[in-house]
C-alpha atoms as a PDB file:
ATOM      1  CA  MET A   1     -29.136   2.253  41.204  1.00  0.00           C
ATOM      2  CA  LYS A   2     -25.405   1.310  42.555  1.00  0.00           C
ATOM      3  CA  ASN A   3     -26.175  -2.294  41.453  1.00  0.00           C
ATOM      4  CA  ARG A   4     -27.602  -1.236  38.855  1.00  0.00           C
ATOM      5  CA  PRO A   5     -26.313  -3.629  36.009  1.00  0.00           C
ATOM      6  CA  VAL A   6     -23.427  -2.103  33.171  1.00  0.00           C
ATOM      7  CA  PRO A   7     -25.662  -2.240  29.443  1.00  0.00           C
ATOM      8  CA  GLU A   8     -24.090  -3.993  26.849  1.00  0.00           C
ATOM      9  CA  LEU A   9     -23.478  -2.125  23.458  1.00  0.00           C
ATOM     10  CA  GLN A  10     -22.248  -3.322  19.947  1.00  0.00           C
ATOM     11  CA  THR A  11     -19.683  -1.384  18.229  1.00  0.00           C
ATOM     12  CA  ASP A  12     -19.422  -1.768  14.396  1.00  0.00           C
ATOM     13  CA  PRO A  13     -17.143  -2.050  12.072  1.00  0.00           C
ATOM     14  CA  GLU A  14     -17.919   0.819   9.404  1.00  0.00           C
ATOM     15  CA  PHE A  15     -18.214   3.004  12.699  1.00  0.00           C
ATOM     16  CA  ASP A  16     -15.303   2.308  13.627  1.00  0.00           C
ATOM     17  CA  GLU A  17     -13.427   3.021  10.963  1.00  0.00           C
ATOM     18  CA  LEU A  18     -14.504   6.183  11.038  1.00  0.00           C
ATOM     19  CA  ILE A  19     -13.351   7.048  14.234  1.00  0.00           C
ATOM     20  CA  GLN A  20      -8.927   8.392  13.821  1.00  0.00           C
ATOM     21  CA  PRO A  21      -7.664   6.514  16.889  1.00  0.00           C
ATOM     22  CA  ARG A  22      -5.585   8.404  20.009  1.00  0.00           C
ATOM     23  CA  GLU A  23      -2.349   8.794  21.453  1.00  0.00           C
ATOM     24  CA  GLU A  24      -1.394   6.059  23.691  1.00  0.00           C
ATOM     25  CA  LYS A  25      -1.169   9.649  26.785  1.00  0.00           C
ATOM     26  CA  TYR A  26      -4.446  10.135  25.864  1.00  0.00           C
ATOM     27  CA  LEU A  27      -5.909   7.254  26.571  1.00  0.00           C
ATOM     28  CA  GLU A  28      -3.569   7.372  29.962  1.00  0.00           C
ATOM     29  CA  GLU A  29      -5.314  10.367  30.728  1.00  0.00           C
ATOM     30  CA  LEU A  30      -9.007   9.694  29.754  1.00  0.00           C
ATOM     31  CA  GLU A  31      -8.961   6.575  31.260  1.00  0.00           C
ATOM     32  CA  GLU A  32      -7.390   7.594  34.267  1.00  0.00           C
ATOM     33  CA  ASN A  33      -9.278  11.340  34.618  1.00  0.00           C
ATOM     34  CA  ILE A  34     -12.546   8.787  34.356  1.00  0.00           C
ATOM     35  CA  PHE A  35     -10.827   5.898  37.539  1.00  0.00           C
ATOM     36  CA  ASP A  36     -11.007   9.521  39.173  1.00  0.00           C
ATOM     37  CA  HIS A  37     -14.040  11.447  38.477  1.00  0.00           C
ATOM     38  CA  GLY A  38     -16.732   9.313  37.068  1.00  0.00           C
ATOM     39  CA  CYS A  39     -17.728   8.927  33.329  1.00  0.00           C
ATOM     40  CA  LEU A  40     -19.310  12.645  33.143  1.00  0.00           C
ATOM     41  CA  GLU A  41     -20.499  12.101  29.390  1.00  0.00           C
ATOM     42  CA  PRO A  42     -22.796  10.230  27.756  1.00  0.00           C
ATOM     43  CA  VAL A  43     -22.610   7.263  25.570  1.00  0.00           C
ATOM     44  CA  CYS A  44     -23.731   8.219  22.470  1.00  0.00           C
ATOM     45  CA  VAL A  45     -26.224   4.883  21.281  1.00  0.00           C
ATOM     46  CA  TRP A  46     -28.420   3.854  17.865  1.00  0.00           C
ATOM     47  CA  ASN A  47     -29.920   1.082  17.528  1.00  0.00           C
ATOM     48  CA  GLY A  48     -28.018  -0.329  20.520  1.00  0.00           C
ATOM     49  CA  ILE A  49     -24.589   0.744  18.521  1.00  0.00           C
ATOM     50  CA  ILE A  50     -22.384   3.349  19.993  1.00  0.00           C
ATOM     51  CA  LEU A  51     -21.946   6.128  17.904  1.00  0.00           C
ATOM     52  CA  GLU A  52     -19.408   8.461  20.225  1.00  0.00           C
ATOM     53  CA  GLY A  53     -17.733   7.344  23.008  1.00  0.00           C
ATOM     54  CA  ARG A  54     -16.294   4.185  22.916  1.00  0.00           C
ATOM     55  CA  LEU A  55     -13.073   4.326  24.921  1.00  0.00           C
ATOM     56  CA  ARG A  56     -15.776   6.016  27.566  1.00  0.00           C
ATOM     57  CA  TYR A  57     -17.552   2.992  26.805  1.00  0.00           C
ATOM     58  CA  LYS A  58     -14.473   0.449  27.230  1.00  0.00           C
ATOM     59  CA  ILE A  59     -13.137   2.316  30.570  1.00  0.00           C
ATOM     60  CA  CYS A  60     -16.419   2.036  32.354  1.00  0.00           C
ATOM     61  CA  THR A  61     -16.776  -1.671  31.928  1.00  0.00           C
ATOM     62  CA  LYS A  62     -13.824  -2.070  32.676  1.00  0.00           C
ATOM     63  CA  TRP A  63     -13.919  -0.756  36.187  1.00  0.00           C
ATOM     64  CA  ASP A  64     -17.142  -1.006  36.227  1.00  0.00           C
ATOM     65  CA  ILE A  65     -18.169   2.914  36.350  1.00  0.00           C
ATOM     66  CA  HIS A  66     -21.423   4.438  36.118  1.00  0.00           C
ATOM     67  CA  PHE A  67     -22.393   5.931  32.946  1.00  0.00           C
ATOM     68  CA  ASN A  68     -25.389   7.610  31.272  1.00  0.00           C
ATOM     69  CA  ILE A  69     -26.907   6.735  27.596  1.00  0.00           C
ATOM     70  CA  ARG A  70     -27.950   9.273  25.289  1.00  0.00           C
ATOM     71  CA  ARG A  71     -29.896   7.649  22.584  1.00  0.00           C
ATOM     72  CA  THR A  72     -30.409   8.272  19.131  1.00  0.00           C
ATOM     73  CA  MET A  73     -33.677   7.530  16.956  1.00  0.00           C
ATOM     74  CA  PHE A  74     -31.943   8.091  13.428  1.00  0.00           C
ATOM     75  CA  GLU A  75     -34.034   6.852  10.667  1.00  0.00           C
ATOM     76  CA  SER A  76     -31.225   5.729   8.529  1.00  0.00           C
ATOM     77  CA  ARG A  77     -27.562   4.356   8.616  1.00  0.00           C
ATOM     78  CA  ASP A  78     -26.203   6.531   6.181  1.00  0.00           C
ATOM     79  CA  LYS A  79     -27.817   9.536   9.310  1.00  0.00           C
ATOM     80  CA  ALA A  80     -26.250   7.737  12.115  1.00  0.00           C
ATOM     81  CA  ILE A  81     -22.500   7.817   9.177  1.00  0.00           C
ATOM     82  CA  SER A  82     -23.133  11.248   8.988  1.00  0.00           C
ATOM     83  CA  PHE A  83     -23.512  12.026  12.660  1.00  0.00           C
ATOM     84  CA  ILE A  84     -20.160  10.445  13.508  1.00  0.00           C
ATOM     85  CA  CYS A  85     -18.544  12.594  10.956  1.00  0.00           C
ATOM     86  CA  HIS A  86     -19.255  15.658  12.471  1.00  0.00           C
ATOM     87  CA  GLU A  87     -18.774  14.555  15.955  1.00  0.00           C
ATOM     88  CA  GLN A  88     -15.081  13.497  14.421  1.00  0.00           C
ATOM     89  CA  LEU A  89     -14.507  16.635  12.758  1.00  0.00           C
ATOM     90  CA  LYS A  90     -14.917  18.641  15.602  1.00  0.00           C
ATOM     91  CA  ARG A  91     -11.837  17.201  16.884  1.00  0.00           C
ATOM     92  CA  THR A  92      -7.903  19.023  16.260  1.00  0.00           C
ATOM     93  CA  ASP A  93      -5.939  16.593  16.713  1.00  0.00           C
ATOM     94  CA  LEU A  94      -7.389  14.515  13.238  1.00  0.00           C
ATOM     95  CA  THR A  95      -4.560  13.668  10.293  1.00  0.00           C
ATOM     96  CA  GLY A  96      -4.888  15.858   7.072  1.00  0.00           C
ATOM     97  CA  GLU A  97      -5.699  12.686   5.502  1.00  0.00           C
ATOM     98  CA  TYR A  98      -8.004  11.362   8.208  1.00  0.00           C
ATOM     99  CA  LYS A  99     -10.065  14.973   7.614  1.00  0.00           C
ATOM    100  CA  LYS A 100     -10.289  14.414   3.895  1.00  0.00           C
ATOM    101  CA  TYR A 101     -12.171  10.598   4.535  1.00  0.00           C
ATOM    102  CA  LEU A 102     -14.347  12.105   7.045  1.00  0.00           C
ATOM    103  CA  ILE A 103     -15.564  14.777   4.355  1.00  0.00           C
ATOM    104  CA  GLY A 104     -15.715  12.684   1.492  1.00  0.00           C
ATOM    105  CA  ARG A 105     -17.942   9.806   3.781  1.00  0.00           C
ATOM    106  CA  LEU A 106     -19.750  12.876   5.015  1.00  0.00           C
ATOM    107  CA  PHE A 107     -20.958  14.110   0.988  1.00  0.00           C
ATOM    108  CA  ARG A 108     -21.843   9.904   0.470  1.00  0.00           C
ATOM    109  CA  ALA A 109     -23.846   9.512   3.453  1.00  0.00           C
ATOM    110  CA  ASP A 110     -25.326  12.807   2.909  1.00  0.00           C
ATOM    111  CA  MET A 111     -26.116  12.317  -0.685  1.00  0.00           C
ATOM    112  CA  ASN A 112     -26.984   8.814  -0.012  1.00  0.00           C
ATOM    113  CA  THR A 113     -29.938  10.403   2.839  1.00  0.00           C
ATOM    114  CA  ALA A 114     -31.307  12.766  -0.268  1.00  0.00           C
ATOM    115  CA  SER A 115     -31.868  10.458  -2.173  1.00  0.00           C
ATOM    116  CA  ASP A 116     -34.067   8.471   0.092  1.00  0.00           C
ATOM    117  CA  GLU A 117     -36.120  11.214   0.998  1.00  0.00           C
ATOM    118  CA  PHE A 118     -36.811  12.337  -2.341  1.00  0.00           C
ATOM    119  CA  MET A 119     -37.698   9.121  -3.341  1.00  0.00           C
ATOM    120  CA  LYS A 120     -40.079   8.316  -0.422  1.00  0.00           C
ATOM    121  CA  LYS A 121     -42.415  11.892  -1.506  1.00  0.00           C
ATOM    122  CA  HIS A 122     -42.060  10.799  -4.706  1.00  0.00           C
ATOM    123  CA  PRO A 123     -42.224   7.139  -5.137  1.00  0.00           C
ATOM    124  CA  GLY A 124     -42.197   6.313  -8.031  1.00  0.00           C
ATOM    125  CA  THR A 125     -39.590   8.045  -9.943  1.00  0.00           C
ATOM    126  CA  GLU A 126     -37.412   6.551 -12.170  1.00  0.00           C
ATOM    127  CA  LEU A 127     -33.041   5.594 -11.695  1.00  0.00           C
ATOM    128  CA  ASN A 128     -30.650   6.799 -14.284  1.00  0.00           C
ATOM    129  CA  ALA A 129     -28.728   4.045 -15.691  1.00  0.00           C
ATOM    130  CA  ASP A 130     -26.502   3.542 -12.166  1.00  0.00           C
ATOM    131  CA  GLY A 131     -29.525   3.168 -10.306  1.00  0.00           C
ATOM    132  CA  GLN A 132     -29.086   6.239  -8.654  1.00  0.00           C
ATOM    133  CA  VAL A 133     -31.224   9.533  -8.479  1.00  0.00           C
ATOM    134  CA  SER A 134     -31.214  12.000 -11.320  1.00  0.00           C
ATOM    135  CA  GLN A 135     -29.427  14.877 -10.855  1.00  0.00           C
ATOM    136  CA  LYS A 136     -31.532  16.892 -11.465  1.00  0.00           C
ATOM    137  CA  TYR A 137     -33.858  15.516  -8.304  1.00  0.00           C
ATOM    138  CA  VAL A 138     -30.497  15.827  -6.143  1.00  0.00           C
ATOM    139  CA  ARG A 139     -27.948  17.859  -7.472  1.00  0.00           C
ATOM    140  CA  LYS A 140     -24.439  16.273  -5.830  1.00  0.00           C
ATOM    141  CA  THR A 141     -23.426  19.730  -5.990  1.00  0.00           C
ATOM    142  CA  ASP A 142     -25.785  21.170  -3.699  1.00  0.00           C
ATOM    143  CA  ILE A 143     -24.717  19.293  -0.789  1.00  0.00           C
ATOM    144  CA  ALA A 144     -20.953  19.044  -1.570  1.00  0.00           C
ATOM    145  CA  THR A 145     -22.044  23.370  -1.510  1.00  0.00           C
ATOM    146  CA  ILE A 146     -23.232  22.986   1.938  1.00  0.00           C
ATOM    147  CA  ILE A 147     -20.300  20.722   3.871  1.00  0.00           C
ATOM    148  CA  GLY A 148     -18.192  22.941   2.436  1.00  0.00           C
ATOM    149  CA  ASN A 149     -19.833  26.018   3.666  1.00  0.00           C
ATOM    150  CA  GLU A 150     -19.861  24.242   6.753  1.00  0.00           C
ATOM    151  CA  PHE A 151     -16.140  23.430   7.138  1.00  0.00           C
ATOM    152  CA  ASN A 152     -15.065  25.975   4.467  1.00  0.00           C
ATOM    153  CA  PHE A 153     -14.413  24.380   1.901  1.00  0.00           C
ATOM    154  CA  GLY A 154     -15.686  25.033  -1.781  1.00  0.00           C
ATOM    155  CA  PHE A 155     -17.975  22.148  -3.886  1.00  0.00           C
ATOM    156  CA  SER A 156     -15.350  21.280  -5.966  1.00  0.00           C
ATOM    157  CA  THR A 157     -12.753  19.802  -3.216  1.00  0.00           C
ATOM    158  CA  VAL A 158     -15.864  18.656  -0.965  1.00  0.00           C
ATOM    159  CA  THR A 159     -16.382  16.690  -4.359  1.00  0.00           C
ATOM    160  CA  LYS A 160     -13.209  15.353  -4.502  1.00  0.00           C
ATOM    161  CA  TYR A 161     -12.822  14.009  -1.193  1.00  0.00           C
ATOM    162  CA  ASP A 162     -15.972  12.113  -2.569  1.00  0.00           C
ATOM    163  CA  ILE A 163     -13.329  10.637  -4.402  1.00  0.00           C
ATOM    164  CA  TYR A 164     -10.376   9.796  -2.295  1.00  0.00           C
ATOM    165  CA  ALA A 165     -12.665   8.044   0.059  1.00  0.00           C
ATOM    166  CA  ARG A 166     -14.026   5.769  -1.581  1.00  0.00           C
ATOM    167  CA  ALA A 167     -10.180   5.490  -3.697  1.00  0.00           C
ATOM    168  CA  VAL A 168      -9.500   4.938   0.380  1.00  0.00           C
ATOM    169  CA  ASP A 169     -12.264   2.234   0.743  1.00  0.00           C
ATOM    170  CA  ASP A 170     -11.491   0.450  -2.562  1.00  0.00           C
ATOM    171  CA  LEU A 171      -7.432  -0.451  -1.022  1.00  0.00           C
ATOM    172  CA  LYS A 172      -9.396  -0.902   3.033  1.00  0.00           C
ATOM    173  CA  ARG A 173     -10.810  -3.961   1.486  1.00  0.00           C
ATOM    174  CA  LYS A 174      -7.575  -5.343  -0.345  1.00  0.00           C
ATOM    175  CA  SER A 175      -4.636  -3.958   2.424  1.00  0.00           C
ATOM    176  CA  PRO A 176      -6.393  -2.345   5.491  1.00  0.00           C
ATOM    177  CA  GLU A 177      -3.140  -2.763   6.876  1.00  0.00           C
ATOM    178  CA  ILE A 178      -2.369   0.068   4.030  1.00  0.00           C
ATOM    179  CA  ALA A 179      -5.087   2.361   4.308  1.00  0.00           C
ATOM    180  CA  GLU A 180      -4.092   2.340   7.982  1.00  0.00           C
ATOM    181  CA  LYS A 181      -1.072   4.010   7.345  1.00  0.00           C
ATOM    182  CA  ILE A 182      -2.169   6.299   4.270  1.00  0.00           C
ATOM    183  CA  LEU A 183      -5.145   7.847   6.791  1.00  0.00           C
ATOM    184  CA  ASN A 184      -2.704   8.186   9.924  1.00  0.00           C
ATOM    185  CA  GLY A 185      -0.425  10.226   8.378  1.00  0.00           C
ATOM    186  CA  LYS A 186       2.124   7.072   7.891  1.00  0.00           C
ATOM    187  CA  LEU A 187       2.885   7.239   5.105  1.00  0.00           C
ATOM    188  CA  ARG A 188       2.662   9.699   2.983  1.00  0.00           C
ATOM    189  CA  VAL A 189       0.777   9.295  -1.200  1.00  0.00           C
ATOM    190  CA  SER A 190      -0.774  11.928  -3.450  1.00  0.00           C
ATOM    191  CA  HIS A 191      -4.765  11.987  -3.974  1.00  0.00           C
ATOM    192  CA  GLU A 192      -3.518  10.610  -7.999  1.00  0.00           C
ATOM    193  CA  ASN A 193      -1.508   8.421  -6.704  1.00  0.00           C
ATOM    194  CA  ILE A 194      -3.836   6.662  -3.665  1.00  0.00           C
ATOM    195  CA  ILE A 195      -6.525   6.371  -6.970  1.00  0.00           C
ATOM    196  CA  GLU A 196      -4.053   4.158  -8.463  1.00  0.00           C
ATOM    197  CA  LEU A 197      -3.143   2.755  -5.557  1.00  0.00           C
ATOM    198  CA  SER A 198      -6.888   1.173  -5.154  1.00  0.00           C
ATOM    199  CA  ARG A 199      -7.347  -0.250  -8.494  1.00  0.00           C
ATOM    200  CA  LEU A 200      -3.633  -2.377  -7.995  1.00  0.00           C
ATOM    201  CA  PRO A 201      -4.871  -5.562  -8.368  1.00  0.00           C
ATOM    202  CA  ILE A 202      -4.037  -7.758  -4.894  1.00  0.00           C
ATOM    203  CA  GLU A 203      -0.993  -9.262  -6.343  1.00  0.00           C
ATOM    204  CA  ASP A 204       0.733  -6.269  -6.217  1.00  0.00           C
ATOM    205  CA  ILE A 205      -0.828  -4.742  -3.316  1.00  0.00           C
ATOM    206  CA  ASN A 206       0.966  -7.630  -1.259  1.00  0.00           C
ATOM    207  CA  GLY A 207       4.163  -6.547  -3.386  1.00  0.00           C
ATOM    208  CA  LEU A 208       3.748  -2.903  -1.745  1.00  0.00           C
ATOM    209  CA  LYS A 209       2.942  -4.273   2.061  1.00  0.00           C
ATOM    210  CA  ARG A 210       5.910  -6.055   1.738  1.00  0.00           C
ATOM    211  CA  LEU A 211       7.842  -3.040   0.611  1.00  0.00           C
ATOM    212  CA  LEU A 212       6.450  -1.082   3.708  1.00  0.00           C
ATOM    213  CA  ASP A 213       6.858  -3.440   6.256  1.00  0.00           C
ATOM    214  CA  SER A 214      10.773  -3.703   5.465  1.00  0.00           C
ATOM    215  CA  GLY A 215      11.188   0.151   6.226  1.00  0.00           C
ATOM    216  CA  SER A 216      12.596   0.964   2.741  1.00  0.00           C
ATOM    217  CA  ILE A 217       9.921   3.132   1.551  1.00  0.00           C
ATOM    218  CA  ASP A 218       7.669   5.794   3.513  1.00  0.00           C
ATOM    219  CA  ARG A 219       6.365   7.637   0.996  1.00  0.00           C
ATOM    220  CA  ILE A 220       4.708   6.099  -1.643  1.00  0.00           C
ATOM    221  CA  GLY A 221       4.588   7.748  -5.434  1.00  0.00           C
ATOM    222  CA  TYR A 222       4.224   7.116  -9.141  1.00  0.00           C
ATOM    223  CA  SER A 223       7.956   6.301 -10.120  1.00  0.00           C
ATOM    224  CA  GLN A 224       8.383   3.764  -7.315  1.00  0.00           C
ATOM    225  CA  LEU A 225       4.468   2.221  -8.166  1.00  0.00           C
ATOM    226  CA  ARG A 226       6.329   1.424 -10.597  1.00  0.00           C
ATOM    227  CA  HIS A 227       9.973   0.632 -10.610  1.00  0.00           C
ATOM    228  CA  GLU A 228       9.524  -0.969  -7.330  1.00  0.00           C
ATOM    229  CA  LEU A 229       6.341  -3.258  -8.150  1.00  0.00           C
ATOM    230  CA  ARG A 230       7.458  -3.409 -12.457  1.00  0.00           C
ATOM    231  CA  TRP A 231       4.036  -2.220 -13.896  1.00  0.00           C
ATOM    232  CA  GLN A 232       4.035  -2.370 -17.438  1.00  0.00           C
ATOM    233  CA  ARG A 233       1.272  -0.818 -18.194  1.00  0.00           C
ATOM    234  CA  LEU A 234      -1.689   0.961 -15.459  1.00  0.00           C
ATOM    235  CA  PRO A 235      -4.127  -1.752 -13.653  1.00  0.00           C
ATOM    236  CA  THR A 236      -7.611  -1.462 -15.193  1.00  0.00           C
ATOM    237  CA  GLY A 237      -9.221   1.266 -14.572  1.00  0.00           C
ATOM    238  CA  LYS A 238     -10.069   4.625 -15.584  1.00  0.00           C
ATOM    239  CA  PRO A 239      -6.177   5.321 -17.189  1.00  0.00           C
ATOM    240  CA  ASP A 240      -4.222   8.385 -16.613  1.00  0.00           C
ATOM    241  CA  SER A 241      -4.979  10.236 -20.093  1.00  0.00           C
ATOM    242  CA  ARG A 242      -2.811  13.300 -19.318  1.00  0.00           C
ATOM    243  CA  ARG A 243      -0.131  10.877 -18.646  1.00  0.00           C
ATOM    244  CA  ILE A 244      -0.997   8.738 -21.155  1.00  0.00           C
ATOM    245  CA  LYS A 245      -1.053  11.633 -23.965  1.00  0.00           C
ATOM    246  CA  ARG A 246       2.907  12.516 -22.157  1.00  0.00           C
ATOM    247  CA  GLU A 247       3.916   9.978 -22.926  1.00  0.00           C
ATOM    248  CA  LYS A 248       2.622   9.998 -26.538  1.00  0.00           C
ATOM    249  CA  GLU A 249       4.063  13.222 -27.336  1.00  0.00           C
ATOM    250  CA  SER A 250       7.938  12.050 -25.994  1.00  0.00           C
ATOM    251  CA  ALA A 251       7.491   8.473 -27.840  1.00  0.00           C
ATOM    252  CA  GLU A 252       6.106  10.635 -31.270  1.00  0.00           C
ATOM    253  CA  ALA A 253       9.472  13.418 -30.923  1.00  0.00           C
ATOM    254  CA  GLY A 254      11.584  10.770 -30.601  1.00  0.00           C
ATOM    255  CA  ILE A 255      10.360   9.118 -33.395  1.00  0.00           C
ATOM    256  CA  LYS A 256      10.797  12.293 -35.273  1.00  0.00           C
ATOM    257  CA  GLN A 257      14.602  12.680 -34.161  1.00  0.00           C
ATOM    258  CA  MET A 258      15.920   9.131 -35.234  1.00  0.00           C
ATOM    259  CA  PRO A 259      17.553   9.310 -38.311  1.00  0.00           C
ATOM    260  CA  ALA A 260      16.298   7.438 -40.985  1.00  0.00           C
ATOM    261  CA  THR A 261      18.201   4.926 -40.997  1.00  0.00           C
ATOM    262  CA  ASP A 262      20.018   4.037 -38.355  1.00  0.00           C
ATOM    263  CA  PRO A 263      20.821  -0.236 -37.901  1.00  0.00           C
ATOM    264  CA  ASP A 264      20.869   0.751 -34.014  1.00  0.00           C
ATOM    265  CA  ALA A 265      17.697   2.772 -33.738  1.00  0.00           C
ATOM    266  CA  GLU A 266      15.863  -0.380 -32.016  1.00  0.00           C
ATOM    267  CA  LEU A 267      17.895  -1.144 -29.396  1.00  0.00           C
ATOM    268  CA  GLU A 268      18.908   2.111 -28.529  1.00  0.00           C
ATOM    269  CA  SER A 269      15.056   2.676 -28.594  1.00  0.00           C
ATOM    270  CA  LEU A 270      14.481  -1.119 -25.700  1.00  0.00           C
ATOM    271  CA  LYS A 271      17.024   1.484 -23.489  1.00  0.00           C
ATOM    272  CA  PHE A 272      16.065   4.059 -22.874  1.00  0.00           C
ATOM    273  CA  THR A 273      12.086   2.493 -22.204  1.00  0.00           C
ATOM    274  CA  ILE A 274      12.552  -0.349 -20.254  1.00  0.00           C
ATOM    275  CA  PRO A 275      12.382   0.217 -16.486  1.00  0.00           C
END
């Protein structure tokens, strides 16, 4: 048994993104503890991929320390993601952003699982225009309520975090660095602004990244997005209808108050609208 080779396990990029990085002090203490006392907790594995315990695995392979493996038998990738989210949500050191992200990803995974299980039982069911199982068969509110009860959230908060997680994932594809800063709490962005941020074209994302790298900002608000990047309009995507309505009402009010004949009216208008 002492000569038993250390098994080679794999990691998965998507699974790894669900795990908030640990502080350096924690890593040092974990390595010292495993080196002195051995690896007491098993590494959880699914199809040869580490779901939980990648730090323990890394330390054990570094020092050639024996560890046990707990093999899981999940039927799908979504169930594996659900497991990881549940395990990570037990942590007490999660940032608020990572917790929202994990709740959103958990909801998405559980929705996919519920839809898959329904289709296995009813293979002839016609999907809706989006290629999804109809809400009358698999209801978002039901899944969100189950998750909300488990983590003490209302179902509407859970669905809101689903939107948040999707926006973060969209941003990850354009700038993993900015998404990581947001999730780790190093860059403050509101729920509404991260949705707007995720819709930005890659050119503007790169411009924002340069600003962040310069250290000139540590928080992203709408005014910064507009003035720093010189936006003239929102990027392609669902518009912020409330903001547009307010701007329209403000513009109409300005027109009503304008004198009937004013040779400087057009010039004055431009002066107040140019950023």
